[in-house]
Amino acid sequence: MRIKLLTMLLLIASFAVTAGTVTVNFNGLEDLGPDARYEGWIIVNNAPVSTGIFSVDAGGVPSETSFTVSDADADAAAAFILTIEPFPDADPAPASTHILAGDINGGSASVTVGHPAALGDDFTSSTGSFIMAVPSDTGEQGTYANGIWYLIPPNPDAGLSLPTLPAGWVYEGWVVDTGLGMPISTGTFTAVTGADSDGGGTTAGPGGTPPFPGQDFINPLRDLTAGHLAVISIEPVPDNSPMPFTMKPLASPIVDPGAGGVSQDMANNAAASNPTGQVSINGSGGGGGATSVPTLGFYGVLLLILVMFYLSRRHFITNK
C-alpha cells in the first residue's frame, strides 16, 4: 500500500506544470451586451496568446480579474492587448478591434488606447466644429436649427480634425436630446470629408446635402438648439449597441448661433472618456516578478525511477 501511495504522489509531482498569472485592473470599460466579450492577449515571441475572456457589468465591474497562463508564456510576454470579440467566437485569433494595449516591463503594463497595438492615438489633440444649416430643405419647412454639419464655411472645409482609425473602428456622430436622454445617430464615418454612412439621414428633406458628416432633421422637425448635445464617438466594428460607445473624444452643447452659418467649436472629451488599465504578469522568471508553483519535471521522473528501483530491490531481498 505504501509503495502504491508513494508511486502515485511522485507521479503527480513529476508531471506538475508551473502556472503564471495575469491580473488586470481596468477603468472605463462598458458592458458589451450578450453578443460580445473582452479578451486579453499576451504577445509571446511575436505571437498572441489568449489570457481569457470576460464581460463587464453595467457598473463597469469585470466578471474576472485574474487569469492563468503557462509559466513560460508569462515570463516571455512582451506586451498585453485587450480586444473586443464576438460571442460566441469561433475564431481563435484576435479580432481587429483592439481597445487597449501596453508593453510589459518588470512584470507589469500600463495599457492605453494610444498604444500602437490599440487605436494608436489618445485623441486628446482632436478638434471639431460644426454649423447649423438645413441644405436638404427645399420647401422652407425648417430653419438652420434643424440641421448639423461638420464643416467650415464658405469653401467648405472639414470641420473635424481626427486621426485615421485602425481596422475594427469607426467614428459616429450623435445629437443627444438632454431632456429625454436620447442619443440619435447622425451616421458613421472613417474620413472627415465625404458623406457619412447615411448622407443627409432618413429625416432629411429632398434637397442635396454637402459631402461631409452631418444630418438634417426636417421630417419630423427637430430643433437642435433646444437642449441638445453634439457628440462624436468611436465605435467598434461590428457595433455592440445602438447607443454611443464609451469613447467620446468630442462633445459640446449645441447653442443657437443665429442665422448665417456661424461655426461652433467642440470641447475635447478624450481624457475623460478613454478607458485605461493596469496589468500584472507573474511568472517564475525575472520578467514575471513573482514565484509560481514549483514542479519536479525531469528530476521528478528521475527520482521516481530511483525510488521504484530501490523499493523493488528491497522487496526482492526481503522475499528472497
C-alpha atoms as a PDB file:
ATOM      1  CA  MET A   1       0.000   0.000   0.000  1.00  0.00           C
ATOM      2  CA  ARG A   2       2.860   2.357   0.885  1.00  0.00           C
ATOM      3  CA  ILE A   3       4.572   1.617  -2.397  1.00  0.00           C
ATOM      4  CA  LYS A   4       1.412   2.385  -4.377  1.00  0.00           C
ATOM      5  CA  LEU A   5       0.788   5.656  -2.490  1.00  0.00           C
ATOM      6  CA  LEU A   6       4.366   6.842  -2.855  1.00  0.00           C
ATOM      7  CA  THR A   7       4.324   5.959  -6.522  1.00  0.00           C
ATOM      8  CA  MET A   8       1.136   7.959  -7.074  1.00  0.00           C
ATOM      9  CA  LEU A   9       2.455  11.043  -5.260  1.00  0.00           C
ATOM     10  CA  LEU A  10       5.719  11.022  -7.149  1.00  0.00           C
ATOM     11  CA  LEU A  11       3.929  10.542 -10.444  1.00  0.00           C
ATOM     12  CA  ILE A  12       1.671  13.557  -9.775  1.00  0.00           C
ATOM     13  CA  ALA A  13       4.634  15.700  -8.732  1.00  0.00           C
ATOM     14  CA  SER A  14       6.691  14.718 -11.754  1.00  0.00           C
ATOM     15  CA  PHE A  15       4.029  15.899 -14.154  1.00  0.00           C
ATOM     16  CA  ALA A  16       3.093  19.097 -12.318  1.00  0.00           C
ATOM     17  CA  VAL A  17       3.202  22.183 -14.522  1.00  0.00           C
ATOM     18  CA  THR A  18       4.034  25.639 -13.316  1.00  0.00           C
ATOM     19  CA  ALA A  19       1.432  28.328 -13.909  1.00  0.00           C
ATOM     20  CA  GLY A  20       1.743  32.059 -14.413  1.00  0.00           C
ATOM     21  CA  THR A  21      -0.966  34.589 -13.668  1.00  0.00           C
ATOM     22  CA  VAL A  22      -2.298  37.674 -15.432  1.00  0.00           C
ATOM     23  CA  THR A  23      -4.095  40.141 -13.166  1.00  0.00           C
ATOM     24  CA  VAL A  24      -5.993  43.060 -14.695  1.00  0.00           C
ATOM     25  CA  ASN A  25      -7.465  46.299 -13.380  1.00  0.00           C
ATOM     26  CA  PHE A  26      -9.423  48.366 -15.919  1.00  0.00           C
ATOM     27  CA  ASN A  27     -11.243  51.677 -15.741  1.00  0.00           C
ATOM     28  CA  GLY A  28     -13.861  52.942 -18.177  1.00  0.00           C
ATOM     29  CA  LEU A  29     -14.841  49.697 -19.902  1.00  0.00           C
ATOM     30  CA  GLU A  30     -18.537  49.298 -20.634  1.00  0.00           C
ATOM     31  CA  ASP A  31     -20.981  46.426 -20.787  1.00  0.00           C
ATOM     32  CA  LEU A  32     -20.777  44.939 -24.297  1.00  0.00           C
ATOM     33  CA  GLY A  33     -24.117  43.148 -24.079  1.00  0.00           C
ATOM     34  CA  PRO A  34     -24.810  39.487 -24.854  1.00  0.00           C
ATOM     35  CA  ASP A  35     -23.109  39.302 -28.246  1.00  0.00           C
ATOM     36  CA  ALA A  36     -19.568  40.438 -27.425  1.00  0.00           C
ATOM     37  CA  ARG A  37     -16.849  39.881 -24.833  1.00  0.00           C
ATOM     38  CA  TYR A  38     -13.476  41.348 -23.927  1.00  0.00           C
ATOM     39  CA  GLU A  39     -10.448  39.089 -24.403  1.00  0.00           C
ATOM     40  CA  GLY A  40      -6.925  39.603 -23.129  1.00  0.00           C
ATOM     41  CA  TRP A  41      -3.803  38.590 -25.057  1.00  0.00           C
ATOM     42  CA  ILE A  42      -0.111  38.472 -24.224  1.00  0.00           C
ATOM     43  CA  ILE A  43       2.401  38.700 -27.044  1.00  0.00           C
ATOM     44  CA  VAL A  44       4.915  35.854 -26.756  1.00  0.00           C
ATOM     45  CA  ASN A  45       7.645  35.575 -29.411  1.00  0.00           C
ATOM     46  CA  ASN A  46       5.604  37.907 -31.653  1.00  0.00           C
ATOM     47  CA  ALA A  47       2.524  35.679 -31.423  1.00  0.00           C
ATOM     48  CA  PRO A  48      -0.723  36.327 -29.462  1.00  0.00           C
ATOM     49  CA  VAL A  49      -1.606  34.002 -26.582  1.00  0.00           C
ATOM     50  CA  SER A  50      -5.088  34.346 -25.100  1.00  0.00           C
ATOM     51  CA  THR A  51      -5.318  35.040 -21.375  1.00  0.00           C
ATOM     52  CA  GLY A  52      -9.100  34.506 -21.357  1.00  0.00           C
ATOM     53  CA  ILE A  53     -12.399  36.268 -21.964  1.00  0.00           C
ATOM     54  CA  PHE A  54     -14.544  38.299 -19.588  1.00  0.00           C
ATOM     55  CA  SER A  55     -17.584  40.537 -19.521  1.00  0.00           C
ATOM     56  CA  VAL A  56     -18.225  43.853 -17.772  1.00  0.00           C
ATOM     57  CA  ASP A  57     -21.464  44.677 -15.982  1.00  0.00           C
ATOM     58  CA  ALA A  58     -23.438  47.917 -16.100  1.00  0.00           C
ATOM     59  CA  GLY A  59     -21.292  49.325 -13.287  1.00  0.00           C
ATOM     60  CA  GLY A  60     -18.056  48.656 -15.160  1.00  0.00           C
ATOM     61  CA  VAL A  61     -17.053  45.702 -12.959  1.00  0.00           C
ATOM     62  CA  PRO A  62     -15.310  42.832 -14.845  1.00  0.00           C
ATOM     63  CA  SER A  63     -16.565  39.272 -14.367  1.00  0.00           C
ATOM     64  CA  GLU A  64     -12.943  38.145 -13.834  1.00  0.00           C
ATOM     65  CA  THR A  65      -9.712  39.945 -13.000  1.00  0.00           C
ATOM     66  CA  SER A  66      -7.218  37.066 -12.677  1.00  0.00           C
ATOM     67  CA  PHE A  67      -6.291  34.571 -15.391  1.00  0.00           C
ATOM     68  CA  THR A  68      -3.906  31.626 -15.658  1.00  0.00           C
ATOM     69  CA  VAL A  69      -1.313  31.182 -18.401  1.00  0.00           C
ATOM     70  CA  SER A  70       1.711  28.915 -18.680  1.00  0.00           C
ATOM     71  CA  ASP A  71       4.722  29.956 -16.651  1.00  0.00           C
ATOM     72  CA  ALA A  72       6.890  30.092 -19.779  1.00  0.00           C
ATOM     73  CA  ASP A  73       4.421  32.393 -21.574  1.00  0.00           C
ATOM     74  CA  ALA A  74       4.193  34.679 -18.548  1.00  0.00           C
ATOM     75  CA  ASP A  75       7.967  35.039 -18.435  1.00  0.00           C
ATOM     76  CA  ALA A  76       8.276  35.642 -22.176  1.00  0.00           C
ATOM     77  CA  ALA A  77       5.341  38.057 -22.562  1.00  0.00           C
ATOM     78  CA  ALA A  78       6.389  41.330 -24.209  1.00  0.00           C
ATOM     79  CA  ALA A  79       3.029  43.157 -24.411  1.00  0.00           C
ATOM     80  CA  PHE A  80      -0.623  42.925 -23.419  1.00  0.00           C
ATOM     81  CA  ILE A  81      -3.553  43.654 -25.761  1.00  0.00           C
ATOM     82  CA  LEU A  82      -7.267  43.816 -24.955  1.00  0.00           C
ATOM     83  CA  THR A  83      -9.695  43.120 -27.804  1.00  0.00           C
ATOM     84  CA  ILE A  84     -13.441  43.092 -28.318  1.00  0.00           C
ATOM     85  CA  GLU A  85     -14.558  39.711 -29.629  1.00  0.00           C
ATOM     86  CA  PRO A  86     -17.886  38.364 -30.899  1.00  0.00           C
ATOM     87  CA  PHE A  87     -19.606  35.951 -28.538  1.00  0.00           C
ATOM     88  CA  PRO A  88     -19.654  33.086 -29.144  1.00  0.00           C
ATOM     89  CA  ASP A  89     -16.379  33.271 -31.057  1.00  0.00           C
ATOM     90  CA  ALA A  90     -15.352  30.522 -33.470  1.00  0.00           C
ATOM     91  CA  ASP A  91     -12.086  32.232 -34.481  1.00  0.00           C
ATOM     92  CA  PRO A  92      -9.135  31.520 -32.141  1.00  0.00           C
ATOM     93  CA  ALA A  93      -7.215  34.542 -33.467  1.00  0.00           C
ATOM     94  CA  PRO A  94      -7.623  38.061 -32.032  1.00  0.00           C
ATOM     95  CA  ALA A  95     -10.269  40.299 -33.607  1.00  0.00           C
ATOM     96  CA  SER A  96      -9.068  43.512 -35.245  1.00  0.00           C
ATOM     97  CA  THR A  97     -10.891  45.601 -32.614  1.00  0.00           C
ATOM     98  CA  HIS A  98      -8.011  46.366 -30.234  1.00  0.00           C
ATOM     99  CA  ILE A  99      -9.117  48.735 -27.473  1.00  0.00           C
ATOM    100  CA  LEU A 100      -6.170  48.771 -25.006  1.00  0.00           C
ATOM    101  CA  ALA A 101      -2.522  47.755 -25.194  1.00  0.00           C
ATOM    102  CA  GLY A 102       0.771  48.268 -23.402  1.00  0.00           C
ATOM    103  CA  ASP A 103       4.351  46.998 -23.252  1.00  0.00           C
ATOM    104  CA  ILE A 104       5.271  44.722 -20.345  1.00  0.00           C
ATOM    105  CA  ASN A 105       8.207  45.910 -18.267  1.00  0.00           C
ATOM    106  CA  GLY A 106       9.181  44.271 -14.995  1.00  0.00           C
ATOM    107  CA  GLY A 107       6.048  42.156 -14.967  1.00  0.00           C
ATOM    108  CA  SER A 108       3.541  44.983 -15.424  1.00  0.00           C
ATOM    109  CA  ALA A 109       1.993  47.117 -18.151  1.00  0.00           C
ATOM    110  CA  SER A 110       0.009  50.337 -18.272  1.00  0.00           C
ATOM    111  CA  VAL A 111      -2.488  49.817 -21.090  1.00  0.00           C
ATOM    112  CA  THR A 112      -3.979  52.699 -23.075  1.00  0.00           C
ATOM    113  CA  VAL A 113      -5.941  53.369 -26.257  1.00  0.00           C
ATOM    114  CA  GLY A 114      -2.973  55.345 -27.598  1.00  0.00           C
ATOM    115  CA  HIS A 115      -0.579  52.392 -27.776  1.00  0.00           C
ATOM    116  CA  PRO A 116       0.327  51.428 -31.386  1.00  0.00           C
ATOM    117  CA  ALA A 117      -1.193  47.964 -30.845  1.00  0.00           C
ATOM    118  CA  ALA A 118      -4.518  49.539 -29.750  1.00  0.00           C
ATOM    119  CA  LEU A 119      -6.052  52.555 -31.548  1.00  0.00           C
ATOM    120  CA  GLY A 120      -2.676  54.275 -31.885  1.00  0.00           C
ATOM    121  CA  ASP A 121      -3.873  57.703 -30.662  1.00  0.00           C
ATOM    122  CA  ASP A 122      -5.309  59.090 -27.435  1.00  0.00           C
ATOM    123  CA  PHE A 123      -7.453  61.672 -29.327  1.00  0.00           C
ATOM    124  CA  THR A 124      -6.526  64.478 -26.911  1.00  0.00           C
ATOM    125  CA  SER A 125      -5.393  66.593 -29.873  1.00  0.00           C
ATOM    126  CA  SER A 126      -8.618  66.065 -31.827  1.00  0.00           C
ATOM    127  CA  THR A 127     -10.710  69.131 -32.621  1.00  0.00           C
ATOM    128  CA  GLY A 128     -14.114  69.731 -34.135  1.00  0.00           C
ATOM    129  CA  SER A 129     -16.593  72.371 -35.178  1.00  0.00           C
ATOM    130  CA  PHE A 130     -19.989  72.365 -36.858  1.00  0.00           C
ATOM    131  CA  ILE A 131     -22.565  74.697 -38.339  1.00  0.00           C
ATOM    132  CA  MET A 132     -26.341  74.710 -38.066  1.00  0.00           C
ATOM    133  CA  ALA A 133     -27.896  74.525 -41.547  1.00  0.00           C
ATOM    134  CA  VAL A 134     -30.580  72.615 -43.481  1.00  0.00           C
ATOM    135  CA  PRO A 135     -29.279  72.171 -47.031  1.00  0.00           C
ATOM    136  CA  SER A 136     -31.812  69.409 -47.827  1.00  0.00           C
ATOM    137  CA  ASP A 137     -34.830  71.654 -47.103  1.00  0.00           C
ATOM    138  CA  THR A 138     -36.321  72.764 -50.417  1.00  0.00           C
ATOM    139  CA  GLY A 139     -39.815  73.517 -49.119  1.00  0.00           C
ATOM    140  CA  GLU A 140     -38.800  76.020 -46.456  1.00  0.00           C
ATOM    141  CA  GLN A 141     -40.250  73.749 -43.786  1.00  0.00           C
ATOM    142  CA  GLY A 142     -37.285  74.079 -41.462  1.00  0.00           C
ATOM    143  CA  THR A 143     -34.722  76.580 -40.310  1.00  0.00           C
ATOM    144  CA  TYR A 144     -30.983  76.447 -39.631  1.00  0.00           C
ATOM    145  CA  ALA A 145     -31.846  75.000 -36.186  1.00  0.00           C
ATOM    146  CA  ASN A 146     -32.938  71.712 -37.791  1.00  0.00           C
ATOM    147  CA  GLY A 147     -29.594  70.562 -39.176  1.00  0.00           C
ATOM    148  CA  ILE A 148     -25.991  69.967 -38.077  1.00  0.00           C
ATOM    149  CA  TRP A 149     -22.993  69.682 -40.409  1.00  0.00           C
ATOM    150  CA  TYR A 150     -19.350  69.132 -39.509  1.00  0.00           C
ATOM    151  CA  LEU A 151     -17.881  71.634 -41.935  1.00  0.00           C
ATOM    152  CA  ILE A 152     -16.361  75.101 -42.014  1.00  0.00           C
ATOM    153  CA  PRO A 153     -17.895  77.543 -44.496  1.00  0.00           C
ATOM    154  CA  PRO A 154     -17.680  79.006 -47.002  1.00  0.00           C
ATOM    155  CA  ASN A 155     -15.381  76.736 -49.079  1.00  0.00           C
ATOM    156  CA  PRO A 156     -16.359  74.406 -47.302  1.00  0.00           C
ATOM    157  CA  ASP A 157     -13.574  72.659 -45.393  1.00  0.00           C
ATOM    158  CA  ALA A 158     -13.665  69.767 -42.925  1.00  0.00           C
ATOM    159  CA  GLY A 159     -14.952  70.762 -39.510  1.00  0.00           C
ATOM    160  CA  LEU A 160     -13.341  67.764 -37.795  1.00  0.00           C
ATOM    161  CA  SER A 161      -9.676  67.030 -37.196  1.00  0.00           C
ATOM    162  CA  LEU A 162      -9.473  63.366 -36.194  1.00  0.00           C
ATOM    163  CA  PRO A 163      -6.791  60.698 -36.677  1.00  0.00           C
ATOM    164  CA  THR A 164      -7.339  57.818 -39.082  1.00  0.00           C
ATOM    165  CA  LEU A 165      -8.717  54.846 -37.182  1.00  0.00           C
ATOM    166  CA  PRO A 166      -7.259  51.320 -37.413  1.00  0.00           C
ATOM    167  CA  ALA A 167      -9.332  48.383 -38.622  1.00  0.00           C
ATOM    168  CA  GLY A 168     -12.166  47.484 -36.273  1.00  0.00           C
ATOM    169  CA  TRP A 169     -13.262  51.066 -35.508  1.00  0.00           C
ATOM    170  CA  VAL A 170     -15.377  53.877 -36.992  1.00  0.00           C
ATOM    171  CA  TYR A 171     -16.449  57.347 -35.885  1.00  0.00           C
ATOM    172  CA  GLU A 172     -20.118  58.114 -35.311  1.00  0.00           C
ATOM    173  CA  GLY A 173     -21.891  61.449 -34.966  1.00  0.00           C
ATOM    174  CA  TRP A 174     -24.742  61.974 -32.495  1.00  0.00           C
ATOM    175  CA  VAL A 175     -27.199  64.582 -31.350  1.00  0.00           C
ATOM    176  CA  VAL A 176     -28.388  63.937 -27.812  1.00  0.00           C
ATOM    177  CA  ASP A 177     -31.705  65.223 -26.525  1.00  0.00           C
ATOM    178  CA  THR A 178     -30.702  66.180 -22.982  1.00  0.00           C
ATOM    179  CA  GLY A 179     -34.306  66.367 -21.811  1.00  0.00           C
ATOM    180  CA  LEU A 180     -35.102  62.809 -22.815  1.00  0.00           C
ATOM    181  CA  GLY A 181     -31.572  61.455 -22.535  1.00  0.00           C
ATOM    182  CA  MET A 182     -31.992  60.130 -26.069  1.00  0.00           C
ATOM    183  CA  PRO A 183     -28.988  59.895 -28.434  1.00  0.00           C
ATOM    184  CA  ILE A 184     -29.758  59.986 -32.171  1.00  0.00           C
ATOM    185  CA  SER A 185     -27.113  58.812 -34.631  1.00  0.00           C
ATOM    186  CA  THR A 186     -26.240  61.142 -37.499  1.00  0.00           C
ATOM    187  CA  GLY A 187     -24.200  58.432 -39.263  1.00  0.00           C
ATOM    188  CA  THR A 188     -20.847  56.642 -39.117  1.00  0.00           C
ATOM    189  CA  PHE A 189     -17.717  57.658 -40.987  1.00  0.00           C
ATOM    190  CA  THR A 190     -13.994  56.963 -41.269  1.00  0.00           C
ATOM    191  CA  ALA A 191     -12.969  60.169 -43.077  1.00  0.00           C
ATOM    192  CA  VAL A 192     -13.741  63.782 -42.115  1.00  0.00           C
ATOM    193  CA  THR A 193     -14.507  64.644 -45.740  1.00  0.00           C
ATOM    194  CA  GLY A 194     -17.114  62.827 -47.789  1.00  0.00           C
ATOM    195  CA  ALA A 195     -20.639  61.860 -46.827  1.00  0.00           C
ATOM    196  CA  ASP A 196     -21.155  59.684 -43.774  1.00  0.00           C
ATOM    197  CA  SER A 197     -22.939  56.323 -43.852  1.00  0.00           C
ATOM    198  CA  ASP A 198     -26.465  57.759 -44.231  1.00  0.00           C
ATOM    199  CA  GLY A 199     -25.777  61.017 -46.085  1.00  0.00           C
ATOM    200  CA  GLY A 200     -28.376  63.573 -45.040  1.00  0.00           C
ATOM    201  CA  GLY A 201     -30.152  60.971 -42.916  1.00  0.00           C
ATOM    202  CA  THR A 202     -33.643  59.476 -43.038  1.00  0.00           C
ATOM    203  CA  THR A 203     -35.116  62.670 -41.573  1.00  0.00           C
ATOM    204  CA  ALA A 204     -33.666  64.943 -44.280  1.00  0.00           C
ATOM    205  CA  GLY A 205     -35.610  66.811 -46.924  1.00  0.00           C
ATOM    206  CA  PRO A 206     -35.462  66.108 -50.670  1.00  0.00           C
ATOM    207  CA  GLY A 207     -32.601  68.515 -51.417  1.00  0.00           C
ATOM    208  CA  GLY A 208     -28.920  67.651 -51.719  1.00  0.00           C
ATOM    209  CA  THR A 209     -26.519  67.615 -48.774  1.00  0.00           C
ATOM    210  CA  PRO A 210     -22.816  68.518 -48.579  1.00  0.00           C
ATOM    211  CA  PRO A 211     -20.062  65.864 -48.741  1.00  0.00           C
ATOM    212  CA  PHE A 212     -19.347  65.947 -45.009  1.00  0.00           C
ATOM    213  CA  PRO A 213     -20.694  64.147 -41.943  1.00  0.00           C
ATOM    214  CA  GLY A 214     -23.977  65.574 -40.652  1.00  0.00           C
ATOM    215  CA  GLN A 215     -27.749  65.346 -40.825  1.00  0.00           C
ATOM    216  CA  ASP A 216     -30.927  67.371 -41.361  1.00  0.00           C
ATOM    217  CA  PHE A 217     -33.993  66.878 -39.174  1.00  0.00           C
ATOM    218  CA  ILE A 218     -36.856  68.031 -41.409  1.00  0.00           C
ATOM    219  CA  ASN A 219     -39.274  65.132 -41.158  1.00  0.00           C
ATOM    220  CA  PRO A 220     -40.087  65.320 -38.343  1.00  0.00           C
ATOM    221  CA  LEU A 221     -38.738  68.738 -37.427  1.00  0.00           C
ATOM    222  CA  ARG A 222     -36.277  68.772 -34.522  1.00  0.00           C
ATOM    223  CA  ASP A 223     -34.914  71.985 -33.043  1.00  0.00           C
ATOM    224  CA  LEU A 224     -31.324  71.085 -32.230  1.00  0.00           C
ATOM    225  CA  THR A 225     -30.678  74.395 -30.493  1.00  0.00           C
ATOM    226  CA  ALA A 226     -33.115  73.500 -27.695  1.00  0.00           C
ATOM    227  CA  GLY A 227     -31.500  71.120 -25.173  1.00  0.00           C
ATOM    228  CA  HIS A 228     -29.214  69.082 -27.442  1.00  0.00           C
ATOM    229  CA  LEU A 229     -25.579  67.978 -27.403  1.00  0.00           C
ATOM    230  CA  ALA A 230     -23.327  67.291 -30.387  1.00  0.00           C
ATOM    231  CA  VAL A 231     -21.127  64.225 -29.830  1.00  0.00           C
ATOM    232  CA  ILE A 232     -18.521  62.327 -31.838  1.00  0.00           C
ATOM    233  CA  SER A 233     -17.908  58.784 -30.590  1.00  0.00           C
ATOM    234  CA  ILE A 234     -15.576  55.960 -31.577  1.00  0.00           C
ATOM    235  CA  GLU A 235     -17.462  52.733 -32.220  1.00  0.00           C
ATOM    236  CA  PRO A 236     -16.320  49.092 -32.508  1.00  0.00           C
ATOM    237  CA  VAL A 237     -16.991  47.142 -35.700  1.00  0.00           C
ATOM    238  CA  PRO A 238     -19.237  45.231 -35.518  1.00  0.00           C
ATOM    239  CA  ASP A 239     -21.083  47.635 -33.244  1.00  0.00           C
ATOM    240  CA  ASN A 240     -22.266  46.117 -29.976  1.00  0.00           C
ATOM    241  CA  SER A 241     -25.036  48.641 -29.282  1.00  0.00           C
ATOM    242  CA  PRO A 242     -27.292  51.294 -30.864  1.00  0.00           C
ATOM    243  CA  MET A 243     -26.075  53.677 -28.144  1.00  0.00           C
ATOM    244  CA  PRO A 244     -22.802  55.667 -28.174  1.00  0.00           C
ATOM    245  CA  PHE A 245     -19.727  53.677 -27.145  1.00  0.00           C
ATOM    246  CA  THR A 246     -17.651  54.690 -24.135  1.00  0.00           C
ATOM    247  CA  MET A 247     -15.045  56.648 -26.143  1.00  0.00           C
ATOM    248  CA  LYS A 248     -16.373  60.132 -26.985  1.00  0.00           C
ATOM    249  CA  PRO A 249     -13.439  62.369 -27.948  1.00  0.00           C
ATOM    250  CA  LEU A 250     -15.586  65.396 -28.879  1.00  0.00           C
ATOM    251  CA  ALA A 251     -18.758  66.656 -27.192  1.00  0.00           C
ATOM    252  CA  SER A 252     -20.423  70.050 -26.726  1.00  0.00           C
ATOM    253  CA  PRO A 253     -23.820  71.616 -26.107  1.00  0.00           C
ATOM    254  CA  ILE A 254     -25.481  72.991 -29.247  1.00  0.00           C
ATOM    255  CA  VAL A 255     -26.275  76.687 -28.825  1.00  0.00           C
ATOM    256  CA  ASP A 256     -28.351  78.925 -31.040  1.00  0.00           C
ATOM    257  CA  PRO A 257     -25.853  80.729 -33.298  1.00  0.00           C
ATOM    258  CA  GLY A 258     -28.439  82.753 -35.147  1.00  0.00           C
ATOM    259  CA  ALA A 259     -28.718  82.737 -38.922  1.00  0.00           C
ATOM    260  CA  GLY A 260     -25.583  82.964 -41.009  1.00  0.00           C
ATOM    261  CA  GLY A 261     -23.801  79.630 -40.600  1.00  0.00           C
ATOM    262  CA  VAL A 262     -21.543  80.548 -37.669  1.00  0.00           C
ATOM    263  CA  SER A 263     -19.236  77.674 -36.652  1.00  0.00           C
ATOM    264  CA  GLN A 264     -19.401  76.255 -33.133  1.00  0.00           C
ATOM    265  CA  ASP A 265     -16.299  74.685 -31.621  1.00  0.00           C
ATOM    266  CA  MET A 266     -16.469  71.362 -29.782  1.00  0.00           C
ATOM    267  CA  ALA A 267     -14.756  70.550 -26.491  1.00  0.00           C
ATOM    268  CA  ASN A 268     -12.241  67.719 -26.319  1.00  0.00           C
ATOM    269  CA  ASN A 269     -13.574  64.956 -24.063  1.00  0.00           C
ATOM    270  CA  ALA A 270     -10.994  62.246 -24.794  1.00  0.00           C
ATOM    271  CA  ALA A 271      -9.166  62.226 -21.464  1.00  0.00           C
ATOM    272  CA  ALA A 272     -12.468  61.873 -19.600  1.00  0.00           C
ATOM    273  CA  SER A 273     -13.836  59.040 -21.756  1.00  0.00           C
ATOM    274  CA  ASN A 274     -10.794  56.946 -22.706  1.00  0.00           C
ATOM    275  CA  PRO A 275     -10.569  53.614 -20.848  1.00  0.00           C
ATOM    276  CA  THR A 276      -7.277  52.771 -19.111  1.00  0.00           C
ATOM    277  CA  GLY A 277      -5.836  49.858 -17.213  1.00  0.00           C
ATOM    278  CA  GLN A 278      -3.007  48.183 -15.322  1.00  0.00           C
ATOM    279  CA  VAL A 279      -1.930  44.600 -15.998  1.00  0.00           C
ATOM    280  CA  SER A 280       0.362  42.441 -13.858  1.00  0.00           C
ATOM    281  CA  ILE A 281       2.077  39.401 -15.426  1.00  0.00           C
ATOM    282  CA  ASN A 282       3.512  36.958 -12.889  1.00  0.00           C
ATOM    283  CA  GLY A 283       5.819  34.074 -13.729  1.00  0.00           C
ATOM    284  CA  SER A 284       8.754  32.327 -12.100  1.00  0.00           C
ATOM    285  CA  GLY A 285      11.431  34.232 -14.011  1.00  0.00           C
ATOM    286  CA  GLY A 286      12.710  37.745 -13.522  1.00  0.00           C
ATOM    287  CA  GLY A 287      10.394  39.080 -16.188  1.00  0.00           C
ATOM    288  CA  GLY A 288       7.320  37.909 -14.325  1.00  0.00           C
ATOM    289  CA  GLY A 289       8.395  39.186 -10.958  1.00  0.00           C
ATOM    290  CA  ALA A 290       6.694  36.555  -8.785  1.00  0.00           C
ATOM    291  CA  THR A 291       7.221  32.943  -7.784  1.00  0.00           C
ATOM    292  CA  SER A 292       4.910  30.407  -9.387  1.00  0.00           C
ATOM    293  CA  VAL A 293       4.010  26.853  -8.375  1.00  0.00           C
ATOM    294  CA  PRO A 294       7.214  24.677  -8.383  1.00  0.00           C
ATOM    295  CA  THR A 295       7.478  21.451 -10.357  1.00  0.00           C
ATOM    296  CA  LEU A 296       9.846  18.487 -10.252  1.00  0.00           C
ATOM    297  CA  GLY A 297       9.667  17.951 -14.004  1.00  0.00           C
ATOM    298  CA  PHE A 298      12.594  15.867 -15.282  1.00  0.00           C
ATOM    299  CA  TYR A 299      14.078  15.477 -11.820  1.00  0.00           C
ATOM    300  CA  GLY A 300      10.792  14.117 -10.538  1.00  0.00           C
ATOM    301  CA  VAL A 301      10.818  11.410 -13.189  1.00  0.00           C
ATOM    302  CA  LEU A 302      14.434  10.547 -12.354  1.00  0.00           C
ATOM    303  CA  LEU A 303      13.591  10.403  -8.636  1.00  0.00           C
ATOM    304  CA  LEU A 304      10.604   8.191  -9.359  1.00  0.00           C
ATOM    305  CA  ILE A 305      12.806   5.726 -11.251  1.00  0.00           C
ATOM    306  CA  LEU A 306      15.382   5.595  -8.422  1.00  0.00           C
ATOM    307  CA  VAL A 307      12.734   5.110  -5.730  1.00  0.00           C
ATOM    308  CA  MET A 308      10.981   2.398  -7.722  1.00  0.00           C
ATOM    309  CA  PHE A 309      14.315   0.639  -8.275  1.00  0.00           C
ATOM    310  CA  TYR A 310      15.133   0.840  -4.550  1.00  0.00           C
ATOM    311  CA  LEU A 311      11.729  -0.413  -3.442  1.00  0.00           C
ATOM    312  CA  SER A 312      11.644  -3.266  -5.915  1.00  0.00           C
ATOM    313  CA  ARG A 313      15.167  -4.356  -4.916  1.00  0.00           C
ATOM    314  CA  ARG A 314      14.247  -4.199  -1.232  1.00  0.00           C
ATOM    315  CA  HIS A 315      11.089  -6.183  -1.895  1.00  0.00           C
ATOM    316  CA  PHE A 316      13.143  -8.794  -3.780  1.00  0.00           C
ATOM    317  CA  ILE A 317      15.712  -9.142  -0.954  1.00  0.00           C
ATOM    318  CA  THR A 318      13.041  -9.335   1.765  1.00  0.00           C
ATOM    319  CA  ASN A 319      11.180 -12.090  -0.018  1.00  0.00           C
ATOM    320  CA  LYS A 320      14.231 -13.983  -1.170  1.00  0.00           C
END
